[in-house]
Every structure is written in C-alpha cells, then in structure tokens.
Amino acid sequence: GASARGVISYYSHRDWFLLGTNIAGTMDGELTSSAGRIGFDVPSPAPGVYKKLWQIPWQPHMADMGHTGGHLTSGDSSFVSHFVAPFINTPTWDEFAVGRVTGVQKPKPAPEYIVLPARL
C-alpha cells in the first residue's frame, strides 16, 4: 500500500488553528489538542504498527523553507520540496533517512521518539 514505508507526521506547537479541538472537540467527541499541534498519542505499550509512525516536531530551521509552524505554512512549496518530497524517492525509512531529510538528530519511530513541543 501507499504507506508501506510508514507515515511521516509533522506537527507544530505553533499550530493555533487546530486549538479548536480543545473547545469544540474532535470528530469522536474528545476535547483535546490535535495531532497537528502535539503529535499523535501512542498507546503504551505500543503495538508494532507504531514503529512505522515517524513524528517530527516543527523546528526553527523549517522556517527557512517557508513553514513558520502555523497551520497553513506546512503546505508551502519550498517546505514540501525539502521536507516531504524527498521521502517519495527514499526506498527505506529509517532513523538515518528521516534525520537526513528533516534535520532532526537521531529520530526514531514512535513510541521511542516522540518529542513533545515546548509548552507556551
């Protein structure tokens, strides 16, 4: 399938647009922060399927490519060409490939590597 290599999930504590899930709730009625703001919740102990989930927190160097951490800037063409498109031609996603593309040092698949955003 399309996600055989895994899922790369970028999230940002600067994504205030999705703060509405704290007020109005998610589709399943939960009042919580969105995965786009804090990353996905990973159960503990995590099933093996989560080993293919790579959660990448927004980093200041991403602003150089147009993604300032906000909801709409993650679709900036420069950000996509530098931080998303390279995964299409990367046959195997491991900590080295993900780290090389994202600039995040020693990333690991969830649940071993979940960087929580700084609390404001």
Protein backbone atom coordinates (compact mmCIF):
# COMPACT_ATOMS: atom_id res chain seq x y z
CA GLY A 1 0.00 0.00 0.00
CA ALA A 2 0.82 3.67 -0.14
CA SER A 3 2.02 3.73 3.45
CA ALA A 4 4.11 0.55 3.33
CA ARG A 5 7.21 2.53 4.33
CA GLY A 6 5.37 4.30 7.13
CA VAL A 7 3.79 7.63 7.94
CA ILE A 8 5.71 10.87 8.42
CA SER A 9 3.75 13.23 10.66
CA TYR A 10 4.91 16.81 11.08
CA TYR A 11 3.34 18.72 13.95
CA SER A 12 3.83 22.13 15.49
CA HIS A 13 3.06 23.72 18.85
CA ARG A 14 2.61 26.92 16.81
CA ASP A 15 -0.43 25.50 15.03
CA TRP A 16 -3.07 27.55 16.84
CA PHE A 17 -5.67 26.93 14.11
CA LEU A 18 -6.27 23.47 15.49
CA LEU A 19 -6.74 24.79 19.02
CA GLY A 20 -10.46 24.48 18.26
CA THR A 21 -10.37 20.79 19.16
CA ASN A 22 -9.83 21.88 22.77
CA ILE A 23 -13.07 23.88 22.59
CA ALA A 24 -15.33 22.15 20.07
CA GLY A 25 -13.83 18.68 20.28
CA THR A 26 -12.58 16.16 17.76
CA MET A 27 -14.72 14.11 15.37
CA ASP A 28 -15.07 11.45 18.08
CA GLY A 29 -16.13 13.98 20.73
CA GLU A 30 -12.85 14.29 22.64
CA LEU A 31 -11.82 17.69 24.00
CA THR A 32 -8.08 17.54 23.39
CA SER A 33 -5.24 19.10 21.44
CA SER A 34 -4.99 17.98 17.83
CA ALA A 35 -2.29 15.70 16.49
CA GLY A 36 -1.27 18.56 14.21
CA ARG A 37 -0.34 20.56 17.28
CA ILE A 38 1.13 17.99 19.71
CA GLY A 39 1.62 14.80 17.69
CA PHE A 40 -0.33 11.56 17.83
CA ASP A 41 -0.98 9.82 21.12
CA VAL A 42 0.76 6.46 21.11
CA PRO A 43 -0.60 3.78 23.45
CA SER A 44 1.73 2.17 25.92
CA PRO A 45 2.80 -0.48 25.31
CA ALA A 46 2.66 0.43 21.64
CA PRO A 47 1.62 -2.15 19.06
CA GLY A 48 4.23 -2.85 16.39
CA VAL A 49 2.34 -0.84 13.81
CA TYR A 50 3.55 2.34 15.52
CA LYS A 51 7.12 1.53 14.53
CA LYS A 52 6.22 2.98 11.13
CA LEU A 53 4.97 6.27 12.57
CA TRP A 54 7.61 8.99 12.46
CA GLN A 55 6.55 12.09 14.41
CA ILE A 56 8.59 15.14 13.51
CA PRO A 57 8.17 18.29 15.59
CA TRP A 58 8.41 21.68 13.93
CA GLN A 59 11.97 23.03 14.15
CA PRO A 60 13.11 26.65 13.68
CA HIS A 61 15.22 25.71 10.62
CA MET A 62 12.00 24.75 8.81
CA ALA A 63 11.04 28.45 8.72
CA ASP A 64 13.88 28.98 6.23
CA MET A 65 11.82 26.87 3.81
CA GLY A 66 8.54 28.69 4.41
CA HIS A 67 6.98 26.66 7.24
CA THR A 68 6.77 29.03 10.20
CA GLY A 69 4.95 26.46 12.32
CA GLY A 70 1.45 27.67 11.54
CA HIS A 71 -1.37 25.58 10.11
CA LEU A 72 -1.23 26.85 6.55
CA THR A 73 2.51 27.21 6.07
CA SER A 74 3.10 23.43 6.12
CA GLY A 75 1.88 23.42 2.52
CA ASP A 76 4.44 25.98 1.36
CA SER A 77 6.02 24.66 -1.85
CA SER A 78 9.57 25.18 -0.58
CA PHE A 79 8.84 23.27 2.64
CA VAL A 80 7.17 20.44 0.72
CA SER A 81 10.04 20.19 -1.77
CA HIS A 82 12.66 19.99 1.00
CA PHE A 83 10.88 18.11 3.80
CA VAL A 84 8.16 16.00 2.16
CA ALA A 85 9.03 15.19 -1.46
CA PRO A 86 12.40 13.53 -0.67
CA PHE A 87 10.56 10.72 1.10
CA ILE A 88 8.90 9.72 -2.17
CA ASN A 89 12.25 8.60 -3.60
CA THR A 90 13.62 7.20 -0.34
CA PRO A 91 13.02 3.43 -0.52
CA THR A 92 13.60 2.71 3.17
CA TRP A 93 12.68 4.99 6.03
CA ASP A 94 14.95 4.56 8.99
CA GLU A 95 16.40 6.95 11.56
CA PHE A 96 19.19 7.97 9.16
CA ALA A 97 16.92 8.71 6.20
CA VAL A 98 14.38 10.57 8.32
CA GLY A 99 17.13 12.52 10.09
CA ARG A 100 18.81 13.45 6.81
CA VAL A 101 15.60 14.83 5.31
CA THR A 102 14.17 16.54 8.39
CA GLY A 103 17.31 17.76 10.10
CA VAL A 104 16.14 16.16 13.35
CA GLN A 105 19.07 14.45 15.04
CA LYS A 106 18.68 10.72 15.69
CA PRO A 107 14.93 10.43 15.10
CA LYS A 108 13.30 7.15 15.99
CA PRO A 109 9.88 5.78 15.19
CA ALA A 110 7.18 6.18 17.80
CA PRO A 111 6.97 5.38 20.64
CA GLU A 112 10.71 5.58 21.29
CA TYR A 113 10.96 9.05 19.76
CA ILE A 114 8.18 11.45 20.49
CA VAL A 115 9.38 14.97 21.04
CA LEU A 116 6.81 16.92 22.96
CA PRO A 117 6.55 20.55 21.91
CA ALA A 118 7.52 23.29 24.29
CA ARG A 119 4.57 24.40 26.36
CA LEU A 120 3.69 28.04 25.92
